[in-house]
Amino acid sequence: MTELNKVKNAIQVLDGLSRSETDFNEADWSIDYKQDLDKELGNELANLKIELELLMSAIQRKDFVTAKCALVMIKVFSLNLSNFFLNIFEDIEKVGWSEQSHLPDIPENYQIPDHYNYRKK
């Protein structure tokens, strides 16, 4: 599984560091924090897969009206996925780089400490 809920939880924790109170106001954020992000991503990808299978079947049968219908739905699910990740991006941006953020700047030439066993790719 993707474990995107960890991102959601990390944003909540990091936001709590910059507030005097620990209340997390969901209205201030792009992600729906009541939503299971892993489940939502899985659902959107499953829907996309169904439409892709329909598209390929329609192309094989030279049924281009059905192919275009499948393309419409692929477009919708692709936009849903784009917005899904944009919401995550916006909340990461807010917690890490907005004026409200109290996270330190990353020093020049910073290296992740060895005790994290972090592998670079």
Protein backbone atom coordinates (compact mmCIF):
# COMPACT_ATOMS: atom_id res chain seq x y z
CA MET A 1 0.00 0.00 0.00
CA THR A 2 1.08 3.58 -0.52
CA GLU A 3 0.99 4.69 3.12
CA LEU A 4 -0.04 8.23 2.15
CA ASN A 5 -1.87 8.53 5.46
CA LYS A 6 1.60 8.94 7.00
CA VAL A 7 1.95 12.21 5.08
CA LYS A 8 -1.38 13.38 6.44
CA ASN A 9 -0.35 12.49 10.01
CA ALA A 10 3.07 14.12 9.63
CA ILE A 11 1.48 17.37 8.43
CA GLN A 12 -0.79 17.39 11.48
CA VAL A 13 2.19 16.82 13.82
CA LEU A 14 4.36 19.45 12.12
CA ASP A 15 1.53 21.95 12.14
CA GLY A 16 1.12 21.35 15.88
CA LEU A 17 4.76 22.37 16.39
CA SER A 18 4.03 25.82 15.02
CA ARG A 19 0.91 26.47 17.09
CA SER A 20 0.50 27.38 20.72
CA GLU A 21 -2.58 25.17 20.83
CA THR A 22 -2.68 21.63 19.50
CA ASP A 23 -6.02 21.99 17.74
CA PHE A 24 -5.73 21.12 14.08
CA ASN A 25 -8.21 23.15 12.03
CA GLU A 26 -9.05 21.04 8.99
CA ALA A 27 -10.62 24.02 7.23
CA ASP A 28 -7.16 25.57 6.82
CA TRP A 29 -5.87 22.69 4.69
CA SER A 30 -6.33 21.23 1.20
CA ILE A 31 -6.42 17.56 2.21
CA ASP A 32 -9.62 16.14 3.68
CA TYR A 33 -8.11 14.92 6.96
CA LYS A 34 -11.10 12.67 7.69
CA GLN A 35 -10.42 10.79 4.47
CA ASP A 36 -8.31 7.62 4.25
CA LEU A 37 -5.83 8.75 1.59
CA ASP A 38 -4.63 5.24 0.81
CA LYS A 39 -8.18 4.01 0.26
CA GLU A 40 -9.08 7.05 -1.85
CA LEU A 41 -6.01 6.60 -4.06
CA GLY A 42 -6.79 2.91 -4.45
CA ASN A 43 -10.38 3.70 -5.46
CA GLU A 44 -9.33 6.30 -8.02
CA LEU A 45 -6.71 3.99 -9.52
CA ALA A 46 -9.21 1.11 -9.67
CA ASN A 47 -11.70 3.34 -11.48
CA LEU A 48 -9.00 4.45 -13.89
CA LYS A 49 -8.05 0.84 -14.58
CA ILE A 50 -11.67 -0.06 -15.41
CA GLU A 51 -11.85 2.76 -17.91
CA LEU A 52 -8.48 1.86 -19.43
CA GLU A 53 -9.68 -1.72 -19.93
CA LEU A 54 -12.84 -0.41 -21.61
CA LEU A 55 -10.76 1.88 -23.82
CA MET A 56 -8.46 -0.92 -24.95
CA SER A 57 -11.40 -3.23 -25.62
CA ALA A 58 -13.22 -0.54 -27.61
CA ILE A 59 -10.11 0.21 -29.67
CA GLN A 60 -9.66 -3.48 -30.40
CA ARG A 61 -13.28 -3.64 -31.63
CA LYS A 62 -12.90 -0.36 -33.55
CA ASP A 63 -15.77 1.09 -31.51
CA PHE A 64 -14.55 4.65 -31.36
CA VAL A 65 -17.66 6.11 -29.75
CA THR A 66 -17.18 3.83 -26.75
CA ALA A 67 -13.45 4.61 -26.88
CA LYS A 68 -14.21 8.32 -26.63
CA CYS A 69 -16.60 7.69 -23.72
CA ALA A 70 -13.82 5.81 -21.95
CA LEU A 71 -11.44 8.69 -22.68
CA VAL A 72 -13.88 11.10 -21.05
CA MET A 73 -13.90 9.04 -17.87
CA ILE A 74 -10.11 8.55 -17.98
CA LYS A 75 -9.82 12.32 -18.21
CA VAL A 76 -12.09 12.72 -15.16
CA PHE A 77 -10.21 10.17 -13.05
CA SER A 78 -6.86 11.60 -14.15
CA LEU A 79 -7.99 15.04 -13.02
CA ASN A 80 -9.18 13.58 -9.72
CA LEU A 81 -5.73 12.03 -9.22
CA SER A 82 -4.03 15.27 -10.17
CA ASN A 83 -6.11 17.20 -7.62
CA PHE A 84 -5.51 14.49 -5.02
CA PHE A 85 -1.75 14.94 -5.29
CA LEU A 86 -2.01 18.72 -5.64
CA ASN A 87 -3.81 18.83 -2.28
CA ILE A 88 -0.98 16.85 -0.70
CA PHE A 89 1.59 19.13 -2.34
CA GLU A 90 -0.20 22.28 -1.13
CA ASP A 91 -0.35 21.07 2.47
CA ILE A 92 3.32 20.05 2.42
CA GLU A 93 4.18 23.47 1.00
CA LYS A 94 2.14 25.17 3.72
CA VAL A 95 3.58 23.21 6.65
CA GLY A 96 7.16 23.46 5.38
CA TRP A 97 7.52 26.82 3.68
CA SER A 98 4.67 29.18 4.58
CA GLU A 99 4.98 32.14 6.91
CA GLN A 100 3.30 30.07 9.65
CA SER A 101 5.93 27.34 9.42
CA HIS A 102 8.44 27.13 12.25
CA LEU A 103 10.58 24.48 10.58
CA PRO A 104 14.23 25.47 10.17
CA ASP A 105 15.83 26.18 6.82
CA ILE A 106 17.96 23.41 5.35
CA PRO A 107 21.64 24.39 5.63
CA GLU A 108 23.73 24.40 2.48
CA ASN A 109 25.44 21.02 1.83
CA TYR A 110 23.28 19.33 4.49
CA GLN A 111 23.54 15.54 4.54
CA ILE A 112 21.01 13.20 6.12
CA PRO A 113 22.78 11.67 9.19
CA ASP A 114 23.98 8.08 8.80
CA HIS A 115 21.88 6.84 11.75
CA TYR A 116 18.77 7.14 9.54
CA ASN A 117 20.15 4.51 7.14
CA TYR A 118 18.75 6.66 4.36
CA ARG A 119 19.51 5.37 0.92
CA LYS A 120 20.04 7.84 -1.85
CA LYS A 121 18.88 6.79 -5.26
